[in-house]
Amino acid sequence: MKKIFLLLICCWTISANAQVQKVNLQASGLTCAMCSKAIYKAVSAISFVDTVLVNIEASTYDIRFDNETTPRFDQIAKAVVDAGFSVANLTVMVNFDKQAVDKNGLFTLDGINYKLMGTSPATLQGSKKLQLIGKQYMLPKDLKKIPVAQLGNVASNTYLVSLK
C-alpha cells in the first residue's frame, strides 16, 4: 500500500511541474495535403509528442506533449527540416508560476535554459506565449528584421525567446 501511495505522489509531482502546455508550429514550403501529412508524421514520431492537430489551410500544427517528458524544440524543428520543409514560426505556450528571470533575461524551465530578448520582467506569471528566435525557428526574412545586437551572445544550450 505504501508503494502505491508513493508512486501516486511521484506521478502527481511530475505532472504538476510540467509547465510547457503546447507548441504552435507554422511550416513553410508546403504545396499540398501530402506535404502536410509528411510533417504530421515526422513530428508525431518524436518520442515526447503526444498529439498533433493540423490546420492544413494555415500550415500550422498544434503540438501537445506527454506529461512526463520535457519537449525539445530543436528536435521538432529538425523533424520538419528532415521532412523537407522549413519552420516559419515556432511559439510555445507556457504556464508560469512565479518564474524568476535574472537581470540578463535568463531563466530555467523544466531543466532547459531560456533567454528573453528585449526587456525582461523580474518574474513570469500565468499563461504566456514565447516565440523562439533563431534560424531553425523562423524564416530568414523574419530573422533579418531583428537587430544583430538583440540576438546577442546566447549559449548553445539556451533558447532565445521573445514574449508575444
N, C-alpha and C. Protein backbone atom coordinates (compact mmCIF):
# COMPACT_ATOMS: atom_id res chain seq x y z
N MET A 1 0.82 -1.19 0.00
CA MET A 1 0.00 0.00 0.00
C MET A 1 0.88 1.27 0.00
N LYS A 2 1.96 1.24 0.79
CA LYS A 2 2.86 2.38 0.84
C LYS A 2 3.49 2.64 -0.53
N LYS A 3 3.83 1.57 -1.26
CA LYS A 3 4.46 1.72 -2.57
C LYS A 3 3.51 2.39 -3.54
N ILE A 4 2.25 2.02 -3.50
CA ILE A 4 1.25 2.62 -4.40
C ILE A 4 1.09 4.10 -4.07
N PHE A 5 1.03 4.43 -2.79
CA PHE A 5 0.88 5.81 -2.37
C PHE A 5 2.08 6.65 -2.83
N LEU A 6 3.30 6.12 -2.66
CA LEU A 6 4.50 6.84 -3.09
C LEU A 6 4.52 7.00 -4.61
N LEU A 7 4.09 5.99 -5.34
CA LEU A 7 4.03 6.07 -6.79
C LEU A 7 3.05 7.16 -7.23
N LEU A 8 1.91 7.23 -6.58
CA LEU A 8 0.92 8.27 -6.91
C LEU A 8 1.46 9.66 -6.63
N ILE A 9 2.17 9.82 -5.53
CA ILE A 9 2.75 11.13 -5.19
C ILE A 9 3.80 11.51 -6.23
N CYS A 10 4.65 10.56 -6.63
CA CYS A 10 5.68 10.84 -7.65
C CYS A 10 5.03 11.25 -8.97
N CYS A 11 3.99 10.54 -9.39
CA CYS A 11 3.30 10.87 -10.65
C CYS A 11 2.67 12.25 -10.56
N TRP A 12 2.07 12.59 -9.43
CA TRP A 12 1.44 13.90 -9.27
C TRP A 12 2.49 14.99 -9.32
N THR A 13 3.63 14.76 -8.69
CA THR A 13 4.70 15.75 -8.68
C THR A 13 5.23 16.00 -10.09
N ILE A 14 5.40 14.93 -10.86
CA ILE A 14 5.91 15.09 -12.22
C ILE A 14 4.94 15.89 -13.06
N SER A 15 3.65 15.58 -12.99
CA SER A 15 2.69 16.30 -13.82
C SER A 15 2.48 17.73 -13.34
N ALA A 16 2.65 17.98 -12.05
CA ALA A 16 2.47 19.34 -11.54
C ALA A 16 3.58 20.26 -12.01
N ASN A 17 4.77 19.70 -12.33
CA ASN A 17 5.89 20.52 -12.76
C ASN A 17 5.89 20.79 -14.27
N ALA A 18 5.06 20.09 -15.02
CA ALA A 18 5.03 20.29 -16.47
C ALA A 18 4.41 21.64 -16.77
N GLN A 19 5.24 22.58 -17.26
CA GLN A 19 4.77 23.93 -17.48
C GLN A 19 4.55 24.27 -18.95
N VAL A 20 5.22 23.55 -19.85
CA VAL A 20 5.00 23.81 -21.27
C VAL A 20 3.69 23.15 -21.65
N GLN A 21 2.72 23.97 -22.11
CA GLN A 21 1.40 23.44 -22.42
C GLN A 21 1.33 22.89 -23.84
N LYS A 22 1.81 23.66 -24.80
CA LYS A 22 1.77 23.22 -26.19
C LYS A 22 2.70 24.09 -27.02
N VAL A 23 2.93 23.65 -28.24
CA VAL A 23 3.71 24.39 -29.22
C VAL A 23 2.84 24.60 -30.44
N ASN A 24 2.93 25.79 -31.03
CA ASN A 24 2.28 26.04 -32.30
C ASN A 24 3.39 26.22 -33.33
N LEU A 25 3.37 25.35 -34.32
CA LEU A 25 4.37 25.35 -35.38
C LEU A 25 3.72 25.78 -36.68
N GLN A 26 4.31 26.75 -37.35
CA GLN A 26 3.88 27.11 -38.69
C GLN A 26 5.00 26.70 -39.63
N ALA A 27 4.64 25.88 -40.63
CA ALA A 27 5.63 25.37 -41.57
C ALA A 27 5.60 26.18 -42.86
N SER A 28 6.69 26.11 -43.60
CA SER A 28 6.82 26.81 -44.87
C SER A 28 7.24 25.81 -45.94
N GLY A 29 6.81 26.06 -47.17
CA GLY A 29 7.20 25.21 -48.28
C GLY A 29 6.18 24.14 -48.62
N LEU A 30 5.03 24.17 -47.97
CA LEU A 30 4.00 23.18 -48.25
C LEU A 30 3.21 23.57 -49.49
N THR A 31 2.92 22.58 -50.33
CA THR A 31 2.15 22.86 -51.55
C THR A 31 0.90 22.00 -51.65
N CYS A 32 0.78 20.96 -50.81
CA CYS A 32 -0.38 20.08 -50.92
C CYS A 32 -0.63 19.37 -49.60
N ALA A 33 -1.70 18.59 -49.55
CA ALA A 33 -2.06 17.84 -48.34
C ALA A 33 -1.01 16.78 -48.00
N MET A 34 -0.33 16.25 -49.00
CA MET A 34 0.71 15.26 -48.75
C MET A 34 1.91 15.89 -48.01
N CYS A 35 2.18 17.15 -48.31
CA CYS A 35 3.24 17.86 -47.60
C CYS A 35 2.88 17.97 -46.12
N SER A 36 1.65 18.34 -45.87
CA SER A 36 1.17 18.48 -44.50
C SER A 36 1.25 17.14 -43.77
N LYS A 37 0.89 16.09 -44.46
CA LYS A 37 0.93 14.75 -43.86
C LYS A 37 2.36 14.34 -43.54
N ALA A 38 3.32 14.71 -44.39
CA ALA A 38 4.72 14.37 -44.14
C ALA A 38 5.22 15.02 -42.85
N ILE A 39 4.86 16.28 -42.63
CA ILE A 39 5.26 16.96 -41.40
C ILE A 39 4.55 16.34 -40.20
N TYR A 40 3.26 16.07 -40.36
CA TYR A 40 2.48 15.43 -39.29
C TYR A 40 3.15 14.13 -38.85
N LYS A 41 3.51 13.29 -39.80
CA LYS A 41 4.14 12.01 -39.48
C LYS A 41 5.50 12.20 -38.83
N ALA A 42 6.28 13.15 -39.32
CA ALA A 42 7.61 13.38 -38.76
C ALA A 42 7.54 13.88 -37.32
N VAL A 43 6.64 14.82 -37.06
CA VAL A 43 6.51 15.38 -35.70
C VAL A 43 5.87 14.36 -34.76
N SER A 44 4.88 13.63 -35.25
CA SER A 44 4.21 12.62 -34.41
C SER A 44 5.16 11.51 -33.98
N ALA A 45 6.20 11.25 -34.76
CA ALA A 45 7.15 10.18 -34.45
C ALA A 45 8.13 10.55 -33.34
N ILE A 46 8.17 11.81 -32.92
CA ILE A 46 9.09 12.23 -31.86
C ILE A 46 8.59 11.65 -30.54
N SER A 47 9.48 11.09 -29.76
CA SER A 47 9.11 10.34 -28.56
C SER A 47 8.29 11.13 -27.54
N PHE A 48 8.55 12.40 -27.36
CA PHE A 48 7.85 13.17 -26.33
C PHE A 48 6.55 13.80 -26.81
N VAL A 49 6.21 13.68 -28.10
CA VAL A 49 4.99 14.26 -28.65
C VAL A 49 3.81 13.34 -28.36
N ASP A 50 2.75 13.92 -27.83
CA ASP A 50 1.53 13.16 -27.53
C ASP A 50 0.53 13.27 -28.67
N THR A 51 0.15 14.51 -29.04
CA THR A 51 -0.82 14.70 -30.12
C THR A 51 -0.39 15.86 -31.02
N VAL A 52 -0.81 15.78 -32.28
CA VAL A 52 -0.54 16.83 -33.25
C VAL A 52 -1.87 17.13 -33.95
N LEU A 53 -2.30 18.39 -33.86
CA LEU A 53 -3.52 18.82 -34.55
C LEU A 53 -3.10 19.70 -35.72
N VAL A 54 -3.62 19.40 -36.91
CA VAL A 54 -3.18 20.05 -38.13
C VAL A 54 -4.25 21.00 -38.66
N ASN A 55 -3.83 22.19 -39.09
CA ASN A 55 -4.67 23.12 -39.83
C ASN A 55 -4.01 23.27 -41.20
N ILE A 56 -4.53 22.52 -42.18
CA ILE A 56 -3.90 22.48 -43.50
C ILE A 56 -3.90 23.85 -44.17
N GLU A 57 -4.99 24.59 -44.05
CA GLU A 57 -5.09 25.90 -44.71
C GLU A 57 -4.03 26.88 -44.22
N ALA A 58 -3.76 26.86 -42.93
CA ALA A 58 -2.79 27.80 -42.35
C ALA A 58 -1.39 27.21 -42.24
N SER A 59 -1.24 25.92 -42.59
CA SER A 59 0.04 25.21 -42.46
C SER A 59 0.56 25.27 -41.03
N THR A 60 -0.37 25.11 -40.05
CA THR A 60 0.02 25.14 -38.65
C THR A 60 -0.26 23.80 -37.98
N TYR A 61 0.48 23.57 -36.92
CA TYR A 61 0.38 22.32 -36.16
C TYR A 61 0.40 22.67 -34.68
N ASP A 62 -0.64 22.29 -33.96
CA ASP A 62 -0.65 22.42 -32.50
C ASP A 62 -0.12 21.11 -31.95
N ILE A 63 0.97 21.19 -31.21
CA ILE A 63 1.66 20.01 -30.71
C ILE A 63 1.56 19.98 -29.19
N ARG A 64 1.08 18.86 -28.67
CA ARG A 64 1.00 18.66 -27.22
C ARG A 64 1.91 17.50 -26.84
N PHE A 65 2.32 17.48 -25.58
CA PHE A 65 3.37 16.58 -25.15
C PHE A 65 2.92 15.64 -24.05
N ASP A 66 3.68 14.54 -23.91
CA ASP A 66 3.49 13.64 -22.77
C ASP A 66 3.84 14.42 -21.51
N ASN A 67 3.10 14.18 -20.44
CA ASN A 67 3.32 14.93 -19.20
C ASN A 67 4.68 14.68 -18.57
N GLU A 68 5.20 13.47 -18.72
CA GLU A 68 6.42 13.14 -18.00
C GLU A 68 7.71 13.45 -18.77
N THR A 69 7.59 14.09 -19.92
CA THR A 69 8.80 14.43 -20.67
C THR A 69 8.89 15.94 -20.92
N THR A 70 10.11 16.39 -21.16
CA THR A 70 10.34 17.79 -21.47
C THR A 70 10.55 17.92 -22.97
N PRO A 71 9.74 18.76 -23.63
CA PRO A 71 9.90 18.89 -25.08
C PRO A 71 11.20 19.58 -25.46
N ARG A 72 11.78 19.13 -26.55
CA ARG A 72 13.00 19.74 -27.10
C ARG A 72 12.61 20.37 -28.43
N PHE A 73 12.62 21.69 -28.48
CA PHE A 73 12.14 22.41 -29.65
C PHE A 73 13.07 22.23 -30.85
N ASP A 74 14.36 22.04 -30.58
CA ASP A 74 15.29 21.79 -31.68
C ASP A 74 14.98 20.47 -32.39
N GLN A 75 14.49 19.48 -31.65
CA GLN A 75 14.11 18.21 -32.26
C GLN A 75 12.86 18.35 -33.13
N ILE A 76 11.94 19.20 -32.70
CA ILE A 76 10.73 19.45 -33.50
C ILE A 76 11.13 20.13 -34.82
N ALA A 77 11.96 21.17 -34.73
CA ALA A 77 12.41 21.88 -35.94
C ALA A 77 13.18 20.94 -36.86
N LYS A 78 14.02 20.08 -36.30
CA LYS A 78 14.79 19.14 -37.10
C LYS A 78 13.87 18.16 -37.83
N ALA A 79 12.81 17.72 -37.18
CA ALA A 79 11.87 16.79 -37.82
C ALA A 79 11.22 17.43 -39.04
N VAL A 80 10.88 18.72 -38.93
CA VAL A 80 10.27 19.45 -40.05
C VAL A 80 11.27 19.57 -41.20
N VAL A 81 12.51 19.95 -40.88
CA VAL A 81 13.55 20.09 -41.91
C VAL A 81 13.86 18.74 -42.54
N ASP A 82 13.94 17.69 -41.74
CA ASP A 82 14.21 16.36 -42.27
C ASP A 82 13.09 15.86 -43.19
N ALA A 83 11.87 16.38 -42.97
CA ALA A 83 10.74 16.03 -43.84
C ALA A 83 10.78 16.83 -45.15
N GLY A 84 11.70 17.81 -45.24
CA GLY A 84 11.88 18.57 -46.48
C GLY A 84 11.25 19.94 -46.48
N PHE A 85 10.96 20.49 -45.30
CA PHE A 85 10.27 21.78 -45.21
C PHE A 85 11.01 22.70 -44.25
N SER A 86 10.49 23.91 -44.08
CA SER A 86 11.10 24.89 -43.17
C SER A 86 10.11 25.27 -42.08
N VAL A 87 10.66 25.70 -40.95
CA VAL A 87 9.84 26.25 -39.87
C VAL A 87 9.71 27.74 -40.12
N ALA A 88 8.48 28.21 -40.23
CA ALA A 88 8.24 29.64 -40.42
C ALA A 88 8.07 30.35 -39.08
N ASN A 89 7.56 29.64 -38.08
CA ASN A 89 7.30 30.23 -36.78
C ASN A 89 7.10 29.10 -35.77
N LEU A 90 7.68 29.26 -34.60
CA LEU A 90 7.51 28.28 -33.53
C LEU A 90 7.25 29.03 -32.24
N THR A 91 6.04 28.89 -31.72
CA THR A 91 5.69 29.56 -30.46
C THR A 91 5.31 28.51 -29.43
N VAL A 92 5.60 28.82 -28.19
CA VAL A 92 5.39 27.90 -27.08
C VAL A 92 4.45 28.55 -26.07
N MET A 93 3.41 27.82 -25.69
CA MET A 93 2.52 28.28 -24.61
C MET A 93 3.02 27.68 -23.31
N VAL A 94 3.32 28.56 -22.34
CA VAL A 94 3.88 28.13 -21.07
C VAL A 94 3.03 28.69 -19.95
N ASN A 95 2.77 27.86 -18.95
CA ASN A 95 2.06 28.31 -17.76
C ASN A 95 3.11 28.53 -16.67
N PHE A 96 3.40 29.79 -16.41
CA PHE A 96 4.41 30.14 -15.42
C PHE A 96 3.79 30.28 -14.03
N ASP A 97 4.58 29.90 -13.02
CA ASP A 97 4.17 30.07 -11.63
C ASP A 97 5.29 30.79 -10.89
N LYS A 98 5.27 32.12 -10.97
CA LYS A 98 6.28 32.96 -10.32
C LYS A 98 7.69 32.56 -10.73
N GLN A 99 7.89 32.45 -12.04
CA GLN A 99 9.19 32.08 -12.58
C GLN A 99 10.14 33.27 -12.52
N ALA A 100 11.22 33.13 -11.79
CA ALA A 100 12.21 34.21 -11.68
C ALA A 100 13.01 34.34 -12.97
N VAL A 101 13.24 35.59 -13.36
CA VAL A 101 14.06 35.91 -14.54
C VAL A 101 15.18 36.82 -14.05
N ASP A 102 16.43 36.44 -14.38
CA ASP A 102 17.54 37.27 -13.89
C ASP A 102 17.69 38.55 -14.71
N LYS A 103 18.62 39.40 -14.31
CA LYS A 103 18.78 40.72 -14.95
C LYS A 103 19.19 40.62 -16.41
N ASN A 104 19.74 39.47 -16.83
CA ASN A 104 20.14 39.26 -18.23
C ASN A 104 19.03 38.60 -19.06
N GLY A 105 17.87 38.40 -18.42
CA GLY A 105 16.75 37.78 -19.13
C GLY A 105 16.81 36.26 -19.14
N LEU A 106 17.67 35.67 -18.33
CA LEU A 106 17.83 34.21 -18.30
C LEU A 106 16.92 33.57 -17.26
N PHE A 107 16.36 32.42 -17.64
CA PHE A 107 15.62 31.59 -16.69
C PHE A 107 15.67 30.15 -17.13
N THR A 108 15.40 29.25 -16.20
CA THR A 108 15.41 27.82 -16.48
C THR A 108 14.03 27.26 -16.22
N LEU A 109 13.55 26.47 -17.16
CA LEU A 109 12.22 25.89 -17.06
C LEU A 109 12.32 24.42 -17.42
N ASP A 110 11.93 23.55 -16.52
CA ASP A 110 11.99 22.11 -16.75
C ASP A 110 13.39 21.66 -17.18
N GLY A 111 14.42 22.28 -16.61
CA GLY A 111 15.79 21.91 -16.91
C GLY A 111 16.35 22.49 -18.21
N ILE A 112 15.59 23.35 -18.88
CA ILE A 112 16.02 23.95 -20.13
C ILE A 112 16.24 25.44 -19.91
N ASN A 113 17.34 25.97 -20.45
CA ASN A 113 17.68 27.39 -20.31
C ASN A 113 17.04 28.22 -21.42
N TYR A 114 16.53 29.39 -21.03
CA TYR A 114 15.93 30.34 -21.96
C TYR A 114 16.52 31.72 -21.71
N LYS A 115 16.57 32.53 -22.76
CA LYS A 115 16.97 33.93 -22.63
C LYS A 115 15.91 34.77 -23.32
N LEU A 116 15.30 35.66 -22.54
CA LEU A 116 14.29 36.58 -23.09
C LEU A 116 14.99 37.70 -23.83
N MET A 117 14.55 37.95 -25.04
CA MET A 117 15.08 39.04 -25.84
C MET A 117 14.33 40.31 -25.46
N GLY A 118 15.04 41.41 -25.37
CA GLY A 118 14.40 42.69 -25.04
C GLY A 118 14.30 42.87 -23.54
N THR A 119 13.35 43.69 -23.11
CA THR A 119 13.14 43.99 -21.69
C THR A 119 12.58 42.76 -20.99
N SER A 120 13.18 42.41 -19.87
CA SER A 120 12.78 41.22 -19.14
C SER A 120 12.10 41.58 -17.83
N PRO A 121 10.94 40.98 -17.58
CA PRO A 121 10.31 41.17 -16.27
C PRO A 121 11.09 40.40 -15.20
N ALA A 122 10.92 40.76 -13.95
CA ALA A 122 11.61 40.08 -12.86
C ALA A 122 11.03 38.68 -12.64
N THR A 123 9.73 38.54 -12.87
CA THR A 123 9.08 37.24 -12.75
C THR A 123 8.05 37.08 -13.86
N LEU A 124 7.80 35.82 -14.21
CA LEU A 124 6.77 35.49 -15.19
C LEU A 124 5.66 34.75 -14.46
N GLN A 125 4.43 35.17 -14.71
CA GLN A 125 3.29 34.58 -14.02
C GLN A 125 2.16 34.33 -15.00
N GLY A 126 1.52 33.17 -14.89
CA GLY A 126 0.36 32.85 -15.72
C GLY A 126 0.75 32.32 -17.09
N SER A 127 -0.24 32.20 -17.95
CA SER A 127 -0.03 31.64 -19.28
C SER A 127 0.58 32.70 -20.21
N LYS A 128 1.71 32.37 -20.81
CA LYS A 128 2.43 33.29 -21.71
C LYS A 128 2.80 32.55 -22.99
N LYS A 129 2.89 33.32 -24.07
CA LYS A 129 3.32 32.78 -25.35
C LYS A 129 4.74 33.27 -25.62
N LEU A 130 5.64 32.32 -25.86
CA LEU A 130 7.03 32.63 -26.17
C LEU A 130 7.30 32.26 -27.62
N GLN A 131 7.90 33.18 -28.37
CA GLN A 131 8.31 32.87 -29.73
C GLN A 131 9.79 32.53 -29.71
N LEU A 132 10.13 31.38 -30.29
CA LEU A 132 11.53 31.01 -30.38
C LEU A 132 12.19 31.81 -31.49
N ILE A 133 13.39 32.30 -31.21
CA ILE A 133 14.14 33.14 -32.15
C ILE A 133 15.38 32.36 -32.60
N GLY A 134 15.60 32.33 -33.90
CA GLY A 134 16.78 31.67 -34.44
C GLY A 134 16.50 31.13 -35.82
N LYS A 135 17.56 30.80 -36.54
CA LYS A 135 17.39 30.41 -37.94
C LYS A 135 16.61 29.12 -38.10
N GLN A 136 16.61 28.23 -37.10
CA GLN A 136 15.84 27.00 -37.22
C GLN A 136 14.39 27.15 -36.81
N TYR A 137 14.01 28.32 -36.25
CA TYR A 137 12.66 28.53 -35.73
C TYR A 137 11.87 29.60 -36.47
N MET A 138 12.46 30.20 -37.49
CA MET A 138 11.76 31.26 -38.23
C MET A 138 12.37 31.40 -39.62
N LEU A 139 11.64 32.08 -40.48
CA LEU A 139 12.12 32.29 -41.84
C LEU A 139 13.27 33.30 -41.85
N PRO A 140 14.22 33.14 -42.77
CA PRO A 140 15.35 34.08 -42.86
C PRO A 140 14.91 35.54 -42.97
N LYS A 141 13.84 35.81 -43.74
CA LYS A 141 13.40 37.20 -43.90
C LYS A 141 12.92 37.79 -42.57
N ASP A 142 12.34 36.97 -41.70
CA ASP A 142 11.90 37.44 -40.38
C ASP A 142 13.08 37.60 -39.43
N LEU A 143 14.04 36.71 -39.52
CA LEU A 143 15.23 36.80 -38.67
C LEU A 143 16.04 38.05 -39.00
N LYS A 144 16.06 38.45 -40.27
CA LYS A 144 16.81 39.65 -40.68
C LYS A 144 16.22 40.92 -40.09
N LYS A 145 14.95 40.90 -39.70
CA LYS A 145 14.29 42.08 -39.12
C LYS A 145 14.74 42.34 -37.68
N ILE A 146 15.38 41.36 -37.07
CA ILE A 146 15.82 41.50 -35.69
C ILE A 146 17.24 42.05 -35.69
N PRO A 147 17.48 43.17 -35.01
CA PRO A 147 18.84 43.73 -34.96
C PRO A 147 19.82 42.73 -34.36
N VAL A 148 20.98 42.62 -34.96
CA VAL A 148 22.01 41.68 -34.53
C VAL A 148 22.34 41.87 -33.05
N ALA A 149 22.35 43.10 -32.59
CA ALA A 149 22.66 43.39 -31.19
C ALA A 149 21.67 42.73 -30.24
N GLN A 150 20.42 42.60 -30.66
CA GLN A 150 19.41 41.96 -29.81
C GLN A 150 19.59 40.45 -29.76
N LEU A 151 20.16 39.88 -30.81
CA LEU A 151 20.38 38.44 -30.82
C LEU A 151 21.44 38.05 -29.80
N GLY A 152 22.43 38.92 -29.64
CA GLY A 152 23.43 38.76 -28.59
C GLY A 152 24.18 37.44 -28.63
N ASN A 153 24.90 37.21 -27.57
CA ASN A 153 25.67 36.00 -27.39
C ASN A 153 24.85 35.04 -26.55
N VAL A 154 24.33 34.00 -27.16
CA VAL A 154 23.50 33.03 -26.45
C VAL A 154 24.19 31.68 -26.48
N ALA A 155 24.29 31.05 -25.32
CA ALA A 155 24.94 29.73 -25.24
C ALA A 155 24.18 28.72 -26.10
N SER A 156 24.89 27.71 -26.57
CA SER A 156 24.28 26.72 -27.45
C SER A 156 23.18 25.91 -26.77
N ASN A 157 23.21 25.82 -25.45
CA ASN A 157 22.18 25.08 -24.73
C ASN A 157 21.05 25.97 -24.21
N THR A 158 20.90 27.15 -24.79
CA THR A 158 19.88 28.12 -24.36
C THR A 158 19.02 28.53 -25.54
N TYR A 159 17.72 28.54 -25.32
CA TYR A 159 16.77 29.01 -26.35
C TYR A 159 16.57 30.51 -26.21
N LEU A 160 16.72 31.24 -27.30
CA LEU A 160 16.43 32.67 -27.33
C LEU A 160 14.95 32.81 -27.65
N VAL A 161 14.22 33.58 -26.83
CA VAL A 161 12.78 33.72 -26.99
C VAL A 161 12.36 35.18 -26.79
N SER A 162 11.17 35.48 -27.32
CA SER A 162 10.55 36.79 -27.04
C SER A 162 9.13 36.54 -26.55
N LEU A 163 8.66 37.43 -25.69
CA LEU A 163 7.28 37.35 -25.21
C LEU A 163 6.34 37.85 -26.30
N LYS A 164 5.28 37.15 -26.56
CA LYS A 164 4.29 37.57 -27.55
C LYS A 164 3.06 38.07 -26.85
